[in-house]
Protein backbone atom coordinates (compact mmCIF):
# COMPACT_ATOMS: atom_id res chain seq x y z
CA MET A 1 132.14 53.62 60.62
CA SER A 2 132.02 54.23 64.03
CA ARG A 3 131.60 52.08 66.61
CA SER A 4 128.89 53.96 68.20
CA LEU A 5 127.06 54.29 64.96
CA GLU A 6 126.80 50.56 64.31
CA ALA A 7 123.84 48.36 65.13
CA ALA A 8 123.69 46.65 68.19
CA PRO A 9 124.41 42.82 67.64
CA PRO A 10 120.87 40.84 67.76
CA GLY A 11 119.65 40.06 71.13
CA ALA A 12 121.82 42.64 72.96
CA GLY A 13 118.72 44.32 74.11
CA ALA A 14 116.94 40.96 75.27
CA MET A 15 120.38 40.60 77.26
CA ARG A 16 120.31 44.14 78.90
CA ALA A 17 116.57 43.51 79.83
CA ALA A 18 117.45 39.84 81.29
CA SER A 19 119.94 40.86 83.56
CA LEU A 20 117.99 44.07 84.53
CA LEU A 21 115.38 41.95 85.51
CA GLY A 22 117.91 39.75 87.53
CA VAL A 23 119.07 42.73 89.27
CA VAL A 24 115.59 44.06 90.27
CA LEU A 25 114.83 40.45 91.55
CA VAL A 26 117.73 39.60 93.44
CA SER A 27 117.53 43.37 95.32
CA GLY A 28 113.70 42.69 95.64
CA VAL A 29 114.57 39.17 97.30
CA VAL A 30 117.23 40.48 99.43
CA GLY A 31 114.73 43.23 100.69
CA LEU A 32 112.03 40.85 101.98
CA LEU A 33 114.66 39.00 104.12
CA PRO A 34 114.55 39.68 107.73
CA ALA A 35 116.94 42.59 108.74
CA ARG A 36 117.60 40.71 112.23
CA GLY A 37 117.44 37.08 112.96
CA ASP A 38 114.82 37.74 115.51
CA ALA A 39 112.29 38.79 113.33
CA GLY A 40 110.67 35.77 112.73
CA ARG A 41 109.68 35.71 116.37
CA GLY A 42 107.62 38.69 116.50
CA GLU A 43 110.37 41.01 117.66
CA SER A 44 111.16 44.25 116.06
CA GLN A 45 112.90 47.23 116.41
CA GLU A 46 112.62 50.53 114.51
CA GLU A 47 113.76 54.31 114.49
CA TYR A 48 112.61 57.08 112.64
CA ARG A 49 112.13 60.94 112.81
CA ASP A 50 108.89 62.62 113.11
CA GLY A 51 109.38 66.12 112.37
CA PRO A 52 112.18 67.55 115.39
CA CYS A 53 111.56 64.33 117.35
CA TRP A 54 113.28 60.98 117.38
CA VAL A 55 111.21 57.97 118.04
CA LYS A 56 112.39 54.52 118.77
CA ARG A 57 109.65 51.50 118.92
CA GLU A 58 110.70 48.08 120.01
CA THR A 59 108.00 45.31 119.66
CA LYS A 60 108.20 42.00 121.32
CA PRO A 61 105.76 39.01 121.64
CA ASP A 62 104.57 40.04 125.03
CA GLY A 63 104.36 43.79 124.69
CA PHE A 64 106.29 47.09 123.51
CA LYS A 65 108.55 50.22 124.51
CA GLU A 66 108.25 53.40 122.66
CA GLU A 67 110.77 56.23 123.11
CA ILE A 68 110.52 59.69 121.79
CA LYS A 69 112.91 62.23 122.25
CA CYS A 70 112.43 65.95 121.21
CA PRO A 71 115.54 68.36 121.71
CA LYS A 72 114.48 71.04 124.21
CA GLY A 73 110.80 69.97 123.93
CA VAL A 74 110.62 71.41 120.65
CA GLY A 75 107.83 69.49 118.83
CA ALA A 76 106.49 67.81 121.71
CA ARG A 77 102.91 66.22 121.45
CA TRP A 78 102.69 66.43 125.43
CA ARG A 79 103.01 68.95 128.42
CA GLY A 80 104.53 68.85 131.55
CA GLU A 81 106.60 66.15 133.66
CA TRP A 82 104.68 63.45 134.64
CA LYS A 83 104.28 59.47 135.24
CA GLN A 84 101.28 57.15 135.09
CA GLU A 85 100.87 53.22 135.39
CA TYR A 86 97.82 51.51 134.81
CA ARG A 87 96.46 47.95 133.53
CA ASP A 88 94.86 47.57 130.16
CA GLY A 89 93.29 44.00 130.30
CA ALA A 90 95.97 41.29 130.95
CA CYS A 91 98.85 44.39 130.07
CA ARG A 92 100.72 46.63 132.68
CA VAL A 93 101.01 49.98 131.35
CA LYS A 94 103.77 52.32 132.19
CA ILE A 95 104.46 56.14 130.76
CA GLU A 96 106.74 58.72 131.98
CA ALA A 97 106.70 62.18 130.41
CA LYS A 98 109.70 64.88 130.72
CA ARG A 99 110.16 67.92 128.67
CA ASP A 100 111.96 66.57 126.12
CA GLU A 101 111.12 62.94 126.52
CA TYR A 102 108.20 60.43 126.74
CA GLN A 103 108.65 56.75 127.35
CA LYS A 104 105.60 54.41 127.39
CA GLU A 105 106.18 50.61 128.22
CA VAL A 106 103.23 47.89 127.77
CA LYS A 107 104.09 44.58 129.15
CA CYS A 108 101.58 41.94 128.75
CA GLU A 109 101.14 38.38 130.60
């Protein structure tokens, strides 16, 4: 008889299931580890696309910074060019908008 038509040895299915479970568990644990060494201190950085725009966010314990860049202003949710600075409680907020770029920075004392 051909090897492909023979029955699998007893316990082979359990061994495959156990090895698959091991791979899933290892990948899950690796996924939980912080991507950067400073993630435990409340710092993070992420970049992603929002439609045609690129968004970059940096978070720190004393505030955050957000930068949105839209090529040629396509997809921008703001209009015009302007700057604004104000206080929000114990935090200082700076906003700068251009045709194709929006930056917001919040620093708290």
